[in-house]
Amino acid sequence: MKAQQNNSSTYQPTFQWSFLHPKHWGTWFSLLVLIIFALLPWKVRDPIAGFIGKHIGRYIKKARHRARVNLQLCFPEKSDSEREAMIDEMYSSAAQVILAMGDLSLRSKKHLQERTEVFGQEHLDKVTQANRRVIMLVPHSWAIDFPAIYWASLGLPVAAMMKPQHRQPVFDWVISRQRLQYGGRCHARQDGIKHYLRSVKEGYMGYYLPDEDFGPEQSMFTDFFATKKATFSGLGKIARLTDAAIVPMMPVYNKKAGKIEIHIQPEITGLNSKDLQQDANLLAQSLEEMVGPYPDQYMWILQLLKTRPNTNISPYKAASTEATK
């Protein structure tokens, strides 16, 4: 389905001379580091990145605490040392992906396509060849930006919702330029969902993050690994409003091959906007199936489980992870 090109609601920050103020020099220095690493071969860059990520991750106390809480709730059968090793591996993967981000802007379209491998392409082809609209479910993996830019490079522009980073305007501008370099649309979350839905109706492939905790008002509690998660219950309604197929898609960084892998699952069937619990269950099941094989690729540092059954206390505020049981 061919996407139309005009939508005044898109979020496209522009360069401002204020970006050169000394308070932003730290951000510019960080971007320079990313540029330098982007010029290195991945076989040289990855061991360095993995080492840096693993060791820096041990000093980021608040984020590591959130990861510990999430992993204890989801994998109580594992020992403390096993969960700590999972966090180390997650930070290692995170650094390798982050230091590869410069590739998206500095390297060619051909380089991106050669460095990306798709598994399950037939599931997406089945939908697009039927001229149906598509919303991709993409979890918060560290390589979350890569698939959207990859699809756009192939002439399949993506529409996504994003939260503007007003505290980091330079980074916000750079990442927005990177995401839209081959086409597509970004919509600011504070503008609501209607602009995003309109873009999907116009033929853009929707990019939807299925794992955010929207609180009890928009969620139903579902099974998620060994715990309960407040899962968005409105996916069936979104599918109905856009008449789109919901296709799960997990981006993964393959450390052995130095490639981004996109693992596509079959379209989710059975969504029914009148049965919110069923819709939430299907979404949570899909999320678990995507994350389960690649736990080191997932952003366990997020407050994925802040809404808990039968309590208003966030598990991340507990004095110890024992209090989250």
C-alpha atoms as a PDB file:
ATOM      1  CA  MET A   1       0.000   0.000   0.000  1.00  0.00           C
ATOM      2  CA  LYS A   2       1.485   3.331  -1.102  1.00  0.00           C
ATOM      3  CA  ALA A   3       1.875   5.873   1.670  1.00  0.00           C
ATOM      4  CA  GLN A   4       0.729   9.432   1.191  1.00  0.00           C
ATOM      5  CA  GLN A   5       3.202  12.144   2.023  1.00  0.00           C
ATOM      6  CA  ASN A   6       1.551  15.082   3.824  1.00  0.00           C
ATOM      7  CA  ASN A   7       0.701  15.327   7.492  1.00  0.00           C
ATOM      8  CA  SER A   8       1.194  18.584   9.365  1.00  0.00           C
ATOM      9  CA  SER A   9       1.079  16.770  12.717  1.00  0.00           C
ATOM     10  CA  THR A  10       4.452  15.084  12.315  1.00  0.00           C
ATOM     11  CA  TYR A  11       7.206  15.754  14.822  1.00  0.00           C
ATOM     12  CA  GLN A  12      10.325  17.012  13.045  1.00  0.00           C
ATOM     13  CA  PRO A  13      12.615  19.128  15.248  1.00  0.00           C
ATOM     14  CA  THR A  14      14.996  21.446  13.399  1.00  0.00           C
ATOM     15  CA  PHE A  15      18.506  22.638  14.150  1.00  0.00           C
ATOM     16  CA  GLN A  16      18.688  25.630  16.480  1.00  0.00           C
ATOM     17  CA  TRP A  17      21.699  27.881  16.993  1.00  0.00           C
ATOM     18  CA  SER A  18      21.143  27.419  20.722  1.00  0.00           C
ATOM     19  CA  PHE A  19      22.393  23.862  20.266  1.00  0.00           C
ATOM     20  CA  LEU A  20      25.918  25.330  20.179  1.00  0.00           C
ATOM     21  CA  HIS A  21      25.638  26.668  23.728  1.00  0.00           C
ATOM     22  CA  PRO A  22      28.333  25.264  26.051  1.00  0.00           C
ATOM     23  CA  LYS A  23      25.684  23.401  28.081  1.00  0.00           C
ATOM     24  CA  HIS A  24      25.246  21.079  25.078  1.00  0.00           C
ATOM     25  CA  TRP A  25      28.943  20.425  24.482  1.00  0.00           C
ATOM     26  CA  GLY A  26      28.762  17.174  26.430  1.00  0.00           C
ATOM     27  CA  THR A  27      26.108  15.903  24.028  1.00  0.00           C
ATOM     28  CA  TRP A  28      28.192  16.922  21.018  1.00  0.00           C
ATOM     29  CA  PHE A  29      31.190  15.117  22.499  1.00  0.00           C
ATOM     30  CA  SER A  30      29.079  11.975  22.937  1.00  0.00           C
ATOM     31  CA  LEU A  31      28.014  12.191  19.307  1.00  0.00           C
ATOM     32  CA  LEU A  32      31.666  12.563  18.268  1.00  0.00           C
ATOM     33  CA  VAL A  33      32.471   9.352  20.156  1.00  0.00           C
ATOM     34  CA  LEU A  34      29.647   7.573  18.311  1.00  0.00           C
ATOM     35  CA  ILE A  35      31.039   8.833  14.992  1.00  0.00           C
ATOM     36  CA  ILE A  36      34.500   7.516  15.811  1.00  0.00           C
ATOM     37  CA  PHE A  37      33.162   4.104  16.797  1.00  0.00           C
ATOM     38  CA  ALA A  38      30.958   3.980  13.690  1.00  0.00           C
ATOM     39  CA  LEU A  39      34.079   4.179  11.557  1.00  0.00           C
ATOM     40  CA  LEU A  40      35.609   1.122  13.222  1.00  0.00           C
ATOM     41  CA  PRO A  41      34.978  -2.405  11.894  1.00  0.00           C
ATOM     42  CA  TRP A  42      32.417  -4.191  14.050  1.00  0.00           C
ATOM     43  CA  LYS A  43      34.937  -6.906  14.956  1.00  0.00           C
ATOM     44  CA  VAL A  44      37.086  -4.226  16.584  1.00  0.00           C
ATOM     45  CA  ARG A  45      34.242  -2.174  18.034  1.00  0.00           C
ATOM     46  CA  ASP A  46      32.125  -4.918  19.615  1.00  0.00           C
ATOM     47  CA  PRO A  47      34.646  -6.311  22.138  1.00  0.00           C
ATOM     48  CA  ILE A  48      35.396  -2.762  23.301  1.00  0.00           C
ATOM     49  CA  ALA A  49      31.712  -1.892  23.530  1.00  0.00           C
ATOM     50  CA  GLY A  50      30.860  -5.104  25.353  1.00  0.00           C
ATOM     51  CA  PHE A  51      33.577  -4.510  27.945  1.00  0.00           C
ATOM     52  CA  ILE A  52      32.537  -0.876  28.465  1.00  0.00           C
ATOM     53  CA  GLY A  53      28.855  -1.736  28.771  1.00  0.00           C
ATOM     54  CA  LYS A  54      29.351  -4.574  31.220  1.00  0.00           C
ATOM     55  CA  HIS A  55      31.498  -2.510  33.591  1.00  0.00           C
ATOM     56  CA  ILE A  56      29.678   0.815  33.366  1.00  0.00           C
ATOM     57  CA  GLY A  57      26.415  -1.038  33.947  1.00  0.00           C
ATOM     58  CA  ARG A  58      27.611  -1.985  37.419  1.00  0.00           C
ATOM     59  CA  TYR A  59      27.767   1.672  38.455  1.00  0.00           C
ATOM     60  CA  ILE A  60      24.350   2.795  37.142  1.00  0.00           C
ATOM     61  CA  LYS A  61      22.614   1.992  40.408  1.00  0.00           C
ATOM     62  CA  LYS A  62      19.012   3.119  39.795  1.00  0.00           C
ATOM     63  CA  ALA A  63      18.741   1.466  36.373  1.00  0.00           C
ATOM     64  CA  ARG A  64      20.397  -1.706  37.641  1.00  0.00           C
ATOM     65  CA  HIS A  65      17.963  -1.796  40.551  1.00  0.00           C
ATOM     66  CA  ARG A  66      15.013  -1.650  38.127  1.00  0.00           C
ATOM     67  CA  ALA A  67      16.535  -4.490  36.104  1.00  0.00           C
ATOM     68  CA  ARG A  68      16.994  -6.556  39.269  1.00  0.00           C
ATOM     69  CA  VAL A  69      13.365  -6.037  40.260  1.00  0.00           C
ATOM     70  CA  ASN A  70      12.096  -6.965  36.788  1.00  0.00           C
ATOM     71  CA  LEU A  71      14.228 -10.080  36.557  1.00  0.00           C
ATOM     72  CA  GLN A  72      13.394 -11.230  40.082  1.00  0.00           C
ATOM     73  CA  LEU A  73       9.690 -10.964  39.341  1.00  0.00           C
ATOM     74  CA  CYS A  74       9.943 -12.578  35.910  1.00  0.00           C
ATOM     75  CA  PHE A  75      12.553 -15.250  36.703  1.00  0.00           C
ATOM     76  CA  PRO A  76      12.307 -16.112  40.429  1.00  0.00           C
ATOM     77  CA  GLU A  77      13.665 -19.584  39.710  1.00  0.00           C
ATOM     78  CA  LYS A  78      17.083 -18.133  38.866  1.00  0.00           C
ATOM     79  CA  SER A  79      19.679 -17.379  41.516  1.00  0.00           C
ATOM     80  CA  ASP A  80      20.858 -13.871  42.328  1.00  0.00           C
ATOM     81  CA  SER A  81      24.164 -14.541  40.579  1.00  0.00           C
ATOM     82  CA  GLU A  82      22.395 -15.794  37.458  1.00  0.00           C
ATOM     83  CA  ARG A  83      20.247 -12.673  37.311  1.00  0.00           C
ATOM     84  CA  GLU A  84      23.307 -10.455  37.830  1.00  0.00           C
ATOM     85  CA  ALA A  85      24.967 -12.213  34.898  1.00  0.00           C
ATOM     86  CA  MET A  86      21.848 -11.539  32.804  1.00  0.00           C
ATOM     87  CA  ILE A  87      22.102  -7.844  33.624  1.00  0.00           C
ATOM     88  CA  ASP A  88      25.799  -7.769  32.732  1.00  0.00           C
ATOM     89  CA  GLU A  89      25.005  -9.409  29.395  1.00  0.00           C
ATOM     90  CA  MET A  90      22.170  -6.931  28.795  1.00  0.00           C
ATOM     91  CA  TYR A  91      24.484  -3.955  29.341  1.00  0.00           C
ATOM     92  CA  SER A  92      27.069  -5.532  27.067  1.00  0.00           C
ATOM     93  CA  SER A  93      24.472  -5.884  24.302  1.00  0.00           C
ATOM     94  CA  ALA A  94      23.206  -2.354  24.928  1.00  0.00           C
ATOM     95  CA  ALA A  95      26.646  -0.824  24.472  1.00  0.00           C
ATOM     96  CA  GLN A  96      27.293  -2.783  21.282  1.00  0.00           C
ATOM     97  CA  VAL A  97      24.033  -1.541  19.781  1.00  0.00           C
ATOM     98  CA  ILE A  98      24.463   2.049  20.978  1.00  0.00           C
ATOM     99  CA  LEU A  99      27.981   2.287  19.574  1.00  0.00           C
ATOM    100  CA  ALA A 100      26.664   0.920  16.274  1.00  0.00           C
ATOM    101  CA  MET A 101      24.002   3.637  16.022  1.00  0.00           C
ATOM    102  CA  GLY A 102      26.373   5.898  14.103  1.00  0.00           C
ATOM    103  CA  ASP A 103      26.243   3.383  11.262  1.00  0.00           C
ATOM    104  CA  LEU A 104      22.673   4.461  10.546  1.00  0.00           C
ATOM    105  CA  SER A 105      23.737   8.011   9.666  1.00  0.00           C
ATOM    106  CA  LEU A 106      27.314   7.642   8.449  1.00  0.00           C
ATOM    107  CA  ARG A 107      27.066   4.463   6.420  1.00  0.00           C
ATOM    108  CA  SER A 108      25.154   3.982   3.181  1.00  0.00           C
ATOM    109  CA  LYS A 109      21.704   2.563   2.636  1.00  0.00           C
ATOM    110  CA  LYS A 110      23.350  -0.442   1.022  1.00  0.00           C
ATOM    111  CA  HIS A 111      25.491  -1.006   4.116  1.00  0.00           C
ATOM    112  CA  LEU A 112      22.399  -1.032   6.326  1.00  0.00           C
ATOM    113  CA  GLN A 113      20.620  -3.500   4.078  1.00  0.00           C
ATOM    114  CA  GLU A 114      23.637  -5.798   3.874  1.00  0.00           C
ATOM    115  CA  ARG A 115      24.042  -5.693   7.644  1.00  0.00           C
ATOM    116  CA  THR A 116      20.402  -6.610   8.305  1.00  0.00           C
ATOM    117  CA  GLU A 117      18.990 -10.124   8.146  1.00  0.00           C
ATOM    118  CA  VAL A 118      15.256 -10.808   8.254  1.00  0.00           C
ATOM    119  CA  PHE A 119      13.700 -14.017   9.554  1.00  0.00           C
ATOM    120  CA  GLY A 120      10.026 -14.703   8.935  1.00  0.00           C
ATOM    121  CA  GLN A 121       9.733 -12.329   5.991  1.00  0.00           C
ATOM    122  CA  GLU A 122       6.891 -14.482   4.681  1.00  0.00           C
ATOM    123  CA  HIS A 123       4.661 -13.334   7.530  1.00  0.00           C
ATOM    124  CA  LEU A 124       5.010  -9.687   6.519  1.00  0.00           C
ATOM    125  CA  ASP A 125       4.773 -10.491   2.802  1.00  0.00           C
ATOM    126  CA  LYS A 126       1.505 -12.321   3.357  1.00  0.00           C
ATOM    127  CA  VAL A 127      -0.012  -9.126   4.719  1.00  0.00           C
ATOM    128  CA  THR A 128       1.507  -6.598   2.330  1.00  0.00           C
ATOM    129  CA  GLN A 129       0.809  -8.702  -0.781  1.00  0.00           C
ATOM    130  CA  ALA A 130      -2.846  -8.736   0.233  1.00  0.00           C
ATOM    131  CA  ASN A 131      -2.650  -4.916   0.211  1.00  0.00           C
ATOM    132  CA  ARG A 132      -3.486  -4.788   3.922  1.00  0.00           C
ATOM    133  CA  ARG A 133      -2.332  -2.187   6.390  1.00  0.00           C
ATOM    134  CA  VAL A 134       0.296  -3.201   8.936  1.00  0.00           C
ATOM    135  CA  ILE A 135       1.071  -2.324  12.536  1.00  0.00           C
ATOM    136  CA  MET A 136       4.312  -3.840  13.758  1.00  0.00           C
ATOM    137  CA  LEU A 137       4.633  -4.733  17.428  1.00  0.00           C
ATOM    138  CA  VAL A 138       8.242  -3.980  18.368  1.00  0.00           C
ATOM    139  CA  PRO A 139       9.363  -4.491  21.988  1.00  0.00           C
ATOM    140  CA  HIS A 140      11.838  -2.239  23.733  1.00  0.00           C
ATOM    141  CA  SER A 141      14.931  -4.089  22.611  1.00  0.00           C
ATOM    142  CA  TRP A 142      18.158  -2.124  22.371  1.00  0.00           C
ATOM    143  CA  ALA A 143      18.084  -2.328  18.563  1.00  0.00           C
ATOM    144  CA  ILE A 144      14.569  -0.889  18.422  1.00  0.00           C
ATOM    145  CA  ASP A 145      15.431   1.907  15.934  1.00  0.00           C
ATOM    146  CA  PHE A 146      17.035  -0.328  13.312  1.00  0.00           C
ATOM    147  CA  PRO A 147      13.986  -2.072  11.759  1.00  0.00           C
ATOM    148  CA  ALA A 148      12.039   1.141  11.077  1.00  0.00           C
ATOM    149  CA  ILE A 149      14.992   2.717   9.287  1.00  0.00           C
ATOM    150  CA  TYR A 150      15.677  -0.527   7.430  1.00  0.00           C
ATOM    151  CA  TRP A 151      12.092  -0.824   6.165  1.00  0.00           C
ATOM    152  CA  ALA A 152      12.101   2.837   5.106  1.00  0.00           C
ATOM    153  CA  SER A 153      15.329   2.248   3.149  1.00  0.00           C
ATOM    154  CA  LEU A 154      13.414  -0.400   1.170  1.00  0.00           C
ATOM    155  CA  GLY A 155      10.596   2.011   0.343  1.00  0.00           C
ATOM    156  CA  LEU A 156       8.276   0.946   3.196  1.00  0.00           C
ATOM    157  CA  PRO A 157       8.063   4.109   5.318  1.00  0.00           C
ATOM    158  CA  VAL A 158       7.054   3.741   8.933  1.00  0.00           C
ATOM    159  CA  ALA A 159       4.891   5.884  11.218  1.00  0.00           C
ATOM    160  CA  ALA A 160       5.783   5.837  14.900  1.00  0.00           C
ATOM    161  CA  MET A 161       4.938   7.634  18.127  1.00  0.00           C
ATOM    162  CA  MET A 162       7.769   9.078  20.179  1.00  0.00           C
ATOM    163  CA  LYS A 163       8.289  11.069  23.337  1.00  0.00           C
ATOM    164  CA  PRO A 164      10.288  14.228  22.524  1.00  0.00           C
ATOM    165  CA  GLN A 165      13.470  14.540  24.588  1.00  0.00           C
ATOM    166  CA  HIS A 166      13.154  18.193  25.542  1.00  0.00           C
ATOM    167  CA  ARG A 167      15.914  17.890  28.141  1.00  0.00           C
ATOM    168  CA  GLN A 168      18.293  16.716  25.399  1.00  0.00           C
ATOM    169  CA  PRO A 169      17.302  18.841  22.365  1.00  0.00           C
ATOM    170  CA  VAL A 170      20.496  18.132  20.412  1.00  0.00           C
ATOM    171  CA  PHE A 171      20.066  14.387  20.783  1.00  0.00           C
ATOM    172  CA  ASP A 172      16.348  14.756  20.007  1.00  0.00           C
ATOM    173  CA  TRP A 173      17.155  16.565  16.745  1.00  0.00           C
ATOM    174  CA  VAL A 174      19.866  14.095  15.703  1.00  0.00           C
ATOM    175  CA  ILE A 175      17.853  10.963  16.425  1.00  0.00           C
ATOM    176  CA  SER A 176      14.791  12.382  14.641  1.00  0.00           C
ATOM    177  CA  ARG A 177      16.865  13.124  11.530  1.00  0.00           C
ATOM    178  CA  GLN A 178      18.274   9.618  11.676  1.00  0.00           C
ATOM    179  CA  ARG A 179      14.883   7.970  12.013  1.00  0.00           C
ATOM    180  CA  LEU A 180      13.391   9.918   9.113  1.00  0.00           C
ATOM    181  CA  GLN A 181      16.342   9.915   6.727  1.00  0.00           C
ATOM    182  CA  TYR A 182      14.680   7.498   4.272  1.00  0.00           C
ATOM    183  CA  GLY A 183      11.126   8.668   4.834  1.00  0.00           C
ATOM    184  CA  GLY A 184       8.453   7.993   7.394  1.00  0.00           C
ATOM    185  CA  ARG A 185       6.709   9.924  10.140  1.00  0.00           C
ATOM    186  CA  CYS A 186       7.161  10.512  13.837  1.00  0.00           C
ATOM    187  CA  HIS A 187       4.258  11.705  15.959  1.00  0.00           C
ATOM    188  CA  ALA A 188       4.716  13.222  19.412  1.00  0.00           C
ATOM    189  CA  ARG A 189       2.953  11.287  22.143  1.00  0.00           C
ATOM    190  CA  GLN A 190       1.512  14.404  23.747  1.00  0.00           C
ATOM    191  CA  ASP A 191      -0.462  15.074  20.551  1.00  0.00           C
ATOM    192  CA  GLY A 192      -2.487  11.908  21.097  1.00  0.00           C
ATOM    193  CA  ILE A 193      -2.912   8.807  18.972  1.00  0.00           C
ATOM    194  CA  LYS A 194      -5.248  10.100  16.257  1.00  0.00           C
ATOM    195  CA  HIS A 195      -2.451  11.417  14.006  1.00  0.00           C
ATOM    196  CA  TYR A 196      -0.640   8.094  14.256  1.00  0.00           C
ATOM    197  CA  LEU A 197      -3.813   6.194  13.336  1.00  0.00           C
ATOM    198  CA  ARG A 198      -4.357   8.505  10.375  1.00  0.00           C
ATOM    199  CA  SER A 199      -0.857   7.762   9.093  1.00  0.00           C
ATOM    200  CA  VAL A 200      -1.510   4.015   9.299  1.00  0.00           C
ATOM    201  CA  LYS A 201      -4.758   4.490   7.375  1.00  0.00           C
ATOM    202  CA  GLU A 202      -2.825   6.430   4.742  1.00  0.00           C
ATOM    203  CA  GLY A 203      -0.508   3.486   4.151  1.00  0.00           C
ATOM    204  CA  TYR A 204       2.402   3.920   6.525  1.00  0.00           C
ATOM    205  CA  MET A 205       3.547   0.833   8.395  1.00  0.00           C
ATOM    206  CA  GLY A 206       2.722   1.478  12.035  1.00  0.00           C
ATOM    207  CA  TYR A 207       5.407   1.003  14.681  1.00  0.00           C
ATOM    208  CA  TYR A 208       3.883   0.191  18.053  1.00  0.00           C
ATOM    209  CA  LEU A 209       5.622  -0.544  21.358  1.00  0.00           C
ATOM    210  CA  PRO A 210       3.617  -3.270  23.153  1.00  0.00           C
ATOM    211  CA  ASP A 211       5.319  -3.349  26.542  1.00  0.00           C
ATOM    212  CA  GLU A 212       4.680   0.054  28.089  1.00  0.00           C
ATOM    213  CA  ASP A 213       2.778   0.211  31.379  1.00  0.00           C
ATOM    214  CA  PHE A 214      -0.125   2.654  30.945  1.00  0.00           C
ATOM    215  CA  GLY A 215      -1.553   2.018  34.390  1.00  0.00           C
ATOM    216  CA  PRO A 216      -4.808   0.323  35.418  1.00  0.00           C
ATOM    217  CA  GLU A 217      -7.064   2.648  33.404  1.00  0.00           C
ATOM    218  CA  GLN A 218      -5.866   1.355  30.030  1.00  0.00           C
ATOM    219  CA  SER A 219      -4.625  -2.083  31.011  1.00  0.00           C
ATOM    220  CA  MET A 220      -5.569  -5.565  32.090  1.00  0.00           C
ATOM    221  CA  PHE A 221      -3.366  -7.811  34.204  1.00  0.00           C
ATOM    222  CA  THR A 222      -1.848 -10.654  32.196  1.00  0.00           C
ATOM    223  CA  ASP A 223       0.692 -13.417  32.679  1.00  0.00           C
ATOM    224  CA  PHE A 224       4.211 -12.310  31.768  1.00  0.00           C
ATOM    225  CA  PHE A 225       6.869 -14.924  32.452  1.00  0.00           C
ATOM    226  CA  ALA A 226       6.423 -15.763  36.183  1.00  0.00           C
ATOM    227  CA  THR A 227       4.616 -12.561  37.165  1.00  0.00           C
ATOM    228  CA  LYS A 228       1.632 -10.386  36.291  1.00  0.00           C
ATOM    229  CA  LYS A 229       1.950  -7.365  34.032  1.00  0.00           C
ATOM    230  CA  ALA A 230      -0.397  -4.447  33.388  1.00  0.00           C
ATOM    231  CA  THR A 231      -0.750  -4.880  29.622  1.00  0.00           C
ATOM    232  CA  PHE A 232      -2.399  -2.410  27.248  1.00  0.00           C
ATOM    233  CA  SER A 233      -5.933  -3.582  26.510  1.00  0.00           C
ATOM    234  CA  GLY A 234      -6.762  -1.399  23.510  1.00  0.00           C
ATOM    235  CA  LEU A 235      -4.845  -3.193  20.767  1.00  0.00           C
ATOM    236  CA  GLY A 236      -8.009  -4.736  19.345  1.00  0.00           C
ATOM    237  CA  LYS A 237      -9.589  -1.295  19.086  1.00  0.00           C
ATOM    238  CA  ILE A 238      -6.539   0.098  17.283  1.00  0.00           C
ATOM    239  CA  ALA A 239      -6.625  -2.828  14.847  1.00  0.00           C
ATOM    240  CA  ARG A 240     -10.318  -2.241  14.222  1.00  0.00           C
ATOM    241  CA  LEU A 241      -9.966   1.519  13.719  1.00  0.00           C
ATOM    242  CA  THR A 242      -7.115   1.128  11.226  1.00  0.00           C
ATOM    243  CA  ASP A 243      -8.168  -2.202   9.698  1.00  0.00           C
ATOM    244  CA  ALA A 244      -4.528  -3.244  10.107  1.00  0.00           C
ATOM    245  CA  ALA A 245      -2.857  -6.585  10.653  1.00  0.00           C
ATOM    246  CA  ILE A 246      -0.842  -6.728  13.901  1.00  0.00           C
ATOM    247  CA  VAL A 247       2.557  -8.286  13.168  1.00  0.00           C
ATOM    248  CA  PRO A 248       5.068  -8.921  16.018  1.00  0.00           C
ATOM    249  CA  MET A 249       8.686  -8.126  15.220  1.00  0.00           C
ATOM    250  CA  MET A 250      11.763  -8.525  17.469  1.00  0.00           C
ATOM    251  CA  PRO A 251      15.009  -6.693  16.570  1.00  0.00           C
ATOM    252  CA  VAL A 252      18.155  -8.460  17.775  1.00  0.00           C
ATOM    253  CA  TYR A 253      21.858  -7.725  17.504  1.00  0.00           C
ATOM    254  CA  ASN A 254      23.785 -10.858  16.524  1.00  0.00           C
ATOM    255  CA  LYS A 255      27.151 -10.482  18.252  1.00  0.00           C
ATOM    256  CA  LYS A 256      28.759 -13.356  16.368  1.00  0.00           C
ATOM    257  CA  ALA A 257      27.877 -12.058  12.902  1.00  0.00           C
ATOM    258  CA  GLY A 258      27.853  -8.329  13.600  1.00  0.00           C
ATOM    259  CA  LYS A 259      24.379  -8.028  12.077  1.00  0.00           C
ATOM    260  CA  ILE A 260      20.974  -6.734  13.047  1.00  0.00           C
ATOM    261  CA  GLU A 261      18.384  -9.502  12.882  1.00  0.00           C
ATOM    262  CA  ILE A 262      14.649  -8.851  12.548  1.00  0.00           C
ATOM    263  CA  HIS A 263      12.569 -11.810  13.721  1.00  0.00           C
ATOM    264  CA  ILE A 264       9.014 -11.565  12.411  1.00  0.00           C
ATOM    265  CA  GLN A 265       6.198 -13.661  13.856  1.00  0.00           C
ATOM    266  CA  PRO A 266       2.826 -14.482  12.266  1.00  0.00           C
ATOM    267  CA  GLU A 267       0.048 -11.918  12.467  1.00  0.00           C
ATOM    268  CA  ILE A 268      -1.818 -11.911  15.777  1.00  0.00           C
ATOM    269  CA  THR A 269      -5.303 -13.284  15.256  1.00  0.00           C
ATOM    270  CA  GLY A 270      -8.232 -13.337  17.645  1.00  0.00           C
ATOM    271  CA  LEU A 271      -8.146  -9.688  18.664  1.00  0.00           C
ATOM    272  CA  ASN A 272     -11.590  -8.476  19.665  1.00  0.00           C
ATOM    273  CA  SER A 273     -12.074  -4.923  20.869  1.00  0.00           C
ATOM    274  CA  LYS A 274     -15.092  -6.084  22.917  1.00  0.00           C
ATOM    275  CA  ASP A 275     -13.005  -8.505  24.998  1.00  0.00           C
ATOM    276  CA  LEU A 276     -10.268  -6.383  26.546  1.00  0.00           C
ATOM    277  CA  GLN A 277      -8.840  -9.214  28.652  1.00  0.00           C
ATOM    278  CA  GLN A 278      -8.410 -11.428  25.608  1.00  0.00           C
ATOM    279  CA  ASP A 279      -6.717  -8.637  23.678  1.00  0.00           C
ATOM    280  CA  ALA A 280      -4.329  -7.955  26.556  1.00  0.00           C
ATOM    281  CA  ASN A 281      -3.584 -11.684  26.948  1.00  0.00           C
ATOM    282  CA  LEU A 282      -2.738 -12.007  23.258  1.00  0.00           C
ATOM    283  CA  LEU A 283      -0.463  -8.977  23.430  1.00  0.00           C
ATOM    284  CA  ALA A 284       1.365 -10.221  26.544  1.00  0.00           C
ATOM    285  CA  GLN A 285       1.779 -13.687  25.056  1.00  0.00           C
ATOM    286  CA  SER A 286       3.287 -12.206  21.902  1.00  0.00           C
ATOM    287  CA  LEU A 287       5.628 -10.006  23.938  1.00  0.00           C
ATOM    288  CA  GLU A 288       6.855 -12.948  25.995  1.00  0.00           C
ATOM    289  CA  GLU A 289       7.426 -15.031  22.857  1.00  0.00           C
ATOM    290  CA  MET A 290       9.520 -12.249  21.348  1.00  0.00           C
ATOM    291  CA  VAL A 291      11.601 -11.470  24.446  1.00  0.00           C
ATOM    292  CA  GLY A 292      12.020 -15.013  25.792  1.00  0.00           C
ATOM    293  CA  PRO A 293      14.664 -16.248  23.321  1.00  0.00           C
ATOM    294  CA  TYR A 294      16.714 -13.026  23.587  1.00  0.00           C
ATOM    295  CA  PRO A 295      16.613 -11.765  27.192  1.00  0.00           C
ATOM    296  CA  ASP A 296      19.966  -9.981  26.876  1.00  0.00           C
ATOM    297  CA  GLN A 297      18.555  -7.802  24.081  1.00  0.00           C
ATOM    298  CA  TYR A 298      15.662  -6.424  26.129  1.00  0.00           C
ATOM    299  CA  MET A 299      15.549  -3.160  28.120  1.00  0.00           C
ATOM    300  CA  TRP A 300      15.000  -4.634  31.556  1.00  0.00           C
ATOM    301  CA  ILE A 301      15.971  -1.250  33.019  1.00  0.00           C
ATOM    302  CA  LEU A 302      12.501   0.168  32.248  1.00  0.00           C
ATOM    303  CA  GLN A 303       9.674   0.334  34.776  1.00  0.00           C
ATOM    304  CA  LEU A 304       7.872  -2.466  32.998  1.00  0.00           C
ATOM    305  CA  LEU A 305       6.025  -3.694  36.095  1.00  0.00           C
ATOM    306  CA  LYS A 306       5.268  -0.515  38.037  1.00  0.00           C
ATOM    307  CA  THR A 307       1.512  -1.263  38.177  1.00  0.00           C
ATOM    308  CA  ARG A 308       0.967  -4.238  40.475  1.00  0.00           C
ATOM    309  CA  PRO A 309      -2.142  -6.242  41.360  1.00  0.00           C
ATOM    310  CA  ASN A 310      -3.741  -5.378  44.721  1.00  0.00           C
ATOM    311  CA  THR A 311      -1.299  -2.607  45.643  1.00  0.00           C
ATOM    312  CA  ASN A 312      -0.481   0.977  44.739  1.00  0.00           C
ATOM    313  CA  ILE A 313       3.156   0.608  45.729  1.00  0.00           C
ATOM    314  CA  SER A 314       5.652   0.474  42.881  1.00  0.00           C
ATOM    315  CA  PRO A 315       8.073  -2.449  43.250  1.00  0.00           C
ATOM    316  CA  TYR A 316      10.929  -0.136  42.245  1.00  0.00           C
ATOM    317  CA  LYS A 317      10.403   1.933  45.396  1.00  0.00           C
ATOM    318  CA  ALA A 318      10.650  -1.031  47.723  1.00  0.00           C
ATOM    319  CA  ALA A 319      13.551  -1.063  50.152  1.00  0.00           C
ATOM    320  CA  SER A 320      14.708  -4.359  48.683  1.00  0.00           C
ATOM    321  CA  THR A 321      13.657  -6.717  45.916  1.00  0.00           C
ATOM    322  CA  GLU A 322      12.333  -9.037  48.614  1.00  0.00           C
ATOM    323  CA  ALA A 323       9.500  -6.563  49.111  1.00  0.00           C
ATOM    324  CA  THR A 324       8.354  -7.050  45.516  1.00  0.00           C
ATOM    325  CA  LYS A 325       7.312 -10.659  45.908  1.00  0.00           C
END
